[in-house]
Amino acid sequence: MSDLRFTSQSAAPPTPFATLWYCKVCDAVISIRSGYVVEEAFCPACIEMPLEFCGNFNRIPGLPMGDA
């Protein structure tokens, strides 16, 4: 048994970054939601890289975030 006591609250999880990417090879539009800034990405449809960065959409109110 442990007598450990936590005096501080745990750190809040990082705010996710939501970015939009475009693949010129297969014309796919991909959104990536990550806890870290994504600087380069592969296309999950045709495995081409790099995807073209189109922008982010973190500040759109009411935007639902889902898991793929």
N, C-alpha and C. Protein backbone atom coordinates (compact mmCIF):
# COMPACT_ATOMS: atom_id res chain seq x y z
N MET A 1 0.84 -1.17 0.00
CA MET A 1 0.00 0.00 0.00
C MET A 1 0.89 1.24 0.00
N SER A 2 0.45 2.27 -0.64
CA SER A 2 1.26 3.47 -0.78
C SER A 2 0.65 4.62 0.00
N ASP A 3 1.52 5.46 0.53
CA ASP A 3 1.06 6.65 1.24
C ASP A 3 1.38 7.90 0.43
N LEU A 4 1.23 7.79 -0.86
CA LEU A 4 1.55 8.89 -1.76
C LEU A 4 0.40 9.89 -1.81
N ARG A 5 0.74 11.15 -1.79
CA ARG A 5 -0.29 12.20 -1.86
C ARG A 5 0.08 13.17 -2.96
N PHE A 6 -0.90 13.54 -3.73
CA PHE A 6 -0.68 14.47 -4.81
C PHE A 6 -1.09 15.86 -4.36
N THR A 7 -0.13 16.78 -4.42
CA THR A 7 -0.41 18.14 -3.96
C THR A 7 -0.74 19.09 -5.10
N SER A 8 -0.40 18.70 -6.32
CA SER A 8 -0.70 19.59 -7.44
C SER A 8 -1.63 18.89 -8.41
N GLN A 9 -2.35 19.70 -9.17
CA GLN A 9 -3.26 19.14 -10.16
C GLN A 9 -2.45 18.73 -11.39
N SER A 10 -2.96 17.76 -12.10
CA SER A 10 -2.25 17.33 -13.30
C SER A 10 -2.36 18.40 -14.38
N ALA A 11 -1.39 18.42 -15.26
CA ALA A 11 -1.36 19.41 -16.33
C ALA A 11 -2.49 19.15 -17.31
N ALA A 12 -3.05 20.22 -17.83
CA ALA A 12 -4.12 20.10 -18.81
C ALA A 12 -3.56 19.55 -20.12
N PRO A 13 -4.34 18.75 -20.83
CA PRO A 13 -3.85 18.23 -22.10
C PRO A 13 -3.65 19.36 -23.10
N PRO A 14 -2.71 19.20 -24.04
CA PRO A 14 -2.46 20.27 -25.01
C PRO A 14 -3.68 20.50 -25.90
N THR A 15 -3.87 21.75 -26.30
CA THR A 15 -4.96 22.08 -27.21
C THR A 15 -4.61 21.51 -28.58
N PRO A 16 -5.52 20.71 -29.17
CA PRO A 16 -5.19 20.12 -30.46
C PRO A 16 -5.16 21.16 -31.59
N PHE A 17 -4.28 20.93 -32.53
CA PHE A 17 -4.20 21.76 -33.72
C PHE A 17 -4.96 21.04 -34.83
N ALA A 18 -5.89 21.72 -35.47
CA ALA A 18 -6.65 21.14 -36.58
C ALA A 18 -6.19 21.83 -37.86
N THR A 19 -5.66 21.04 -38.79
CA THR A 19 -5.15 21.59 -40.04
C THR A 19 -5.80 20.90 -41.23
N LEU A 20 -5.78 21.59 -42.36
CA LEU A 20 -6.37 21.07 -43.59
C LEU A 20 -5.28 20.95 -44.64
N TRP A 21 -5.24 19.81 -45.34
CA TRP A 21 -4.20 19.50 -46.32
C TRP A 21 -4.84 19.04 -47.62
N TYR A 22 -4.11 19.20 -48.73
CA TYR A 22 -4.60 18.80 -50.05
C TYR A 22 -3.53 17.98 -50.77
N CYS A 23 -3.95 16.89 -51.41
CA CYS A 23 -3.04 16.05 -52.18
C CYS A 23 -3.26 16.35 -53.66
N LYS A 24 -2.21 16.81 -54.33
CA LYS A 24 -2.29 17.13 -55.75
C LYS A 24 -2.34 15.88 -56.63
N VAL A 25 -1.90 14.75 -56.10
CA VAL A 25 -1.86 13.52 -56.88
C VAL A 25 -3.24 12.90 -57.01
N CYS A 26 -3.95 12.73 -55.89
CA CYS A 26 -5.25 12.05 -55.92
C CYS A 26 -6.42 12.98 -55.60
N ASP A 27 -6.17 14.28 -55.45
CA ASP A 27 -7.19 15.29 -55.15
C ASP A 27 -7.92 15.06 -53.83
N ALA A 28 -7.26 14.42 -52.88
CA ALA A 28 -7.87 14.20 -51.57
C ALA A 28 -7.70 15.44 -50.70
N VAL A 29 -8.69 15.71 -49.89
CA VAL A 29 -8.62 16.78 -48.89
C VAL A 29 -8.62 16.09 -47.54
N ILE A 30 -7.59 16.37 -46.74
CA ILE A 30 -7.39 15.66 -45.48
C ILE A 30 -7.32 16.66 -44.34
N SER A 31 -8.01 16.37 -43.25
CA SER A 31 -7.86 17.18 -42.05
C SER A 31 -7.08 16.36 -41.03
N ILE A 32 -6.18 17.02 -40.34
CA ILE A 32 -5.36 16.37 -39.32
C ILE A 32 -5.54 17.12 -38.02
N ARG A 33 -5.89 16.39 -36.98
CA ARG A 33 -6.04 16.96 -35.64
C ARG A 33 -4.97 16.32 -34.77
N SER A 34 -4.09 17.14 -34.23
CA SER A 34 -2.97 16.62 -33.47
C SER A 34 -2.67 17.52 -32.28
N GLY A 35 -2.08 16.95 -31.26
CA GLY A 35 -1.64 17.71 -30.10
C GLY A 35 -0.37 18.49 -30.37
N TYR A 36 0.24 18.22 -31.51
CA TYR A 36 1.48 18.88 -31.91
C TYR A 36 1.30 19.51 -33.28
N VAL A 37 2.12 20.48 -33.59
CA VAL A 37 2.07 21.13 -34.90
C VAL A 37 2.60 20.14 -35.95
N VAL A 38 1.81 19.90 -36.99
CA VAL A 38 2.22 19.02 -38.07
C VAL A 38 2.82 19.89 -39.17
N GLU A 39 4.08 19.61 -39.52
CA GLU A 39 4.76 20.42 -40.53
C GLU A 39 4.78 19.75 -41.89
N GLU A 40 4.68 18.43 -41.92
CA GLU A 40 4.72 17.68 -43.17
C GLU A 40 3.85 16.45 -42.99
N ALA A 41 3.10 16.08 -44.04
CA ALA A 41 2.19 14.95 -43.91
C ALA A 41 2.15 14.12 -45.18
N PHE A 42 1.88 12.82 -45.01
CA PHE A 42 1.68 11.91 -46.11
C PHE A 42 0.20 11.82 -46.44
N CYS A 43 -0.13 11.55 -47.68
CA CYS A 43 -1.52 11.32 -48.06
C CYS A 43 -1.88 9.89 -47.67
N PRO A 44 -2.92 9.69 -46.86
CA PRO A 44 -3.29 8.33 -46.47
C PRO A 44 -3.93 7.55 -47.62
N ALA A 45 -4.38 8.23 -48.67
CA ALA A 45 -5.03 7.55 -49.80
C ALA A 45 -4.01 7.01 -50.80
N CYS A 46 -3.00 7.81 -51.15
CA CYS A 46 -2.05 7.37 -52.18
C CYS A 46 -0.60 7.36 -51.70
N ILE A 47 -0.36 7.65 -50.44
CA ILE A 47 0.96 7.63 -49.81
C ILE A 47 1.94 8.60 -50.48
N GLU A 48 1.45 9.71 -50.98
CA GLU A 48 2.31 10.74 -51.55
C GLU A 48 2.68 11.76 -50.49
N MET A 49 3.83 12.41 -50.65
CA MET A 49 4.28 13.42 -49.72
C MET A 49 5.07 14.46 -50.48
N PRO A 50 5.10 15.65 -50.12
CA PRO A 50 4.31 16.25 -49.04
C PRO A 50 2.95 16.70 -49.54
N LEU A 51 2.02 16.74 -48.63
CA LEU A 51 0.72 17.32 -48.93
C LEU A 51 0.84 18.83 -48.91
N GLU A 52 -0.05 19.50 -49.60
CA GLU A 52 -0.06 20.96 -49.63
C GLU A 52 -0.89 21.47 -48.45
N PHE A 53 -0.27 22.30 -47.62
CA PHE A 53 -0.95 22.87 -46.46
C PHE A 53 -1.96 23.92 -46.92
N CYS A 54 -3.20 23.80 -46.47
CA CYS A 54 -4.26 24.74 -46.87
C CYS A 54 -4.64 25.70 -45.75
N GLY A 55 -4.35 25.38 -44.52
CA GLY A 55 -4.68 26.27 -43.41
C GLY A 55 -5.15 25.50 -42.19
N ASN A 56 -5.54 26.25 -41.17
CA ASN A 56 -6.07 25.61 -39.98
C ASN A 56 -7.48 26.10 -39.71
N PHE A 57 -8.18 25.38 -38.87
CA PHE A 57 -9.55 25.78 -38.55
C PHE A 57 -9.84 25.57 -37.07
N ASN A 58 -8.88 25.96 -36.24
CA ASN A 58 -9.07 25.84 -34.79
C ASN A 58 -10.06 26.86 -34.24
N ARG A 59 -10.22 27.95 -34.89
CA ARG A 59 -11.01 29.03 -34.31
C ARG A 59 -12.42 29.14 -34.88
N ILE A 60 -12.93 28.12 -35.50
CA ILE A 60 -14.31 28.14 -36.00
C ILE A 60 -15.21 27.66 -34.88
N PRO A 61 -16.08 28.54 -34.34
CA PRO A 61 -16.93 28.15 -33.22
C PRO A 61 -17.92 27.05 -33.62
N GLY A 62 -18.11 26.10 -32.74
CA GLY A 62 -19.09 25.04 -32.96
C GLY A 62 -18.61 23.95 -33.89
N LEU A 63 -17.34 23.95 -34.28
CA LEU A 63 -16.82 22.95 -35.19
C LEU A 63 -16.65 21.64 -34.42
N PRO A 64 -17.39 20.61 -34.81
CA PRO A 64 -17.23 19.35 -34.09
C PRO A 64 -15.95 18.66 -34.50
N MET A 65 -15.30 18.04 -33.54
CA MET A 65 -14.07 17.30 -33.82
C MET A 65 -14.39 15.82 -33.60
N GLY A 66 -14.06 14.99 -34.57
CA GLY A 66 -14.32 13.57 -34.45
C GLY A 66 -13.06 12.78 -34.67
N ASP A 67 -13.08 11.54 -34.27
CA ASP A 67 -11.94 10.65 -34.46
C ASP A 67 -12.18 9.79 -35.69
N ALA A 68 -11.11 9.60 -36.43
CA ALA A 68 -11.23 8.76 -37.65
C ALA A 68 -10.97 7.32 -37.31
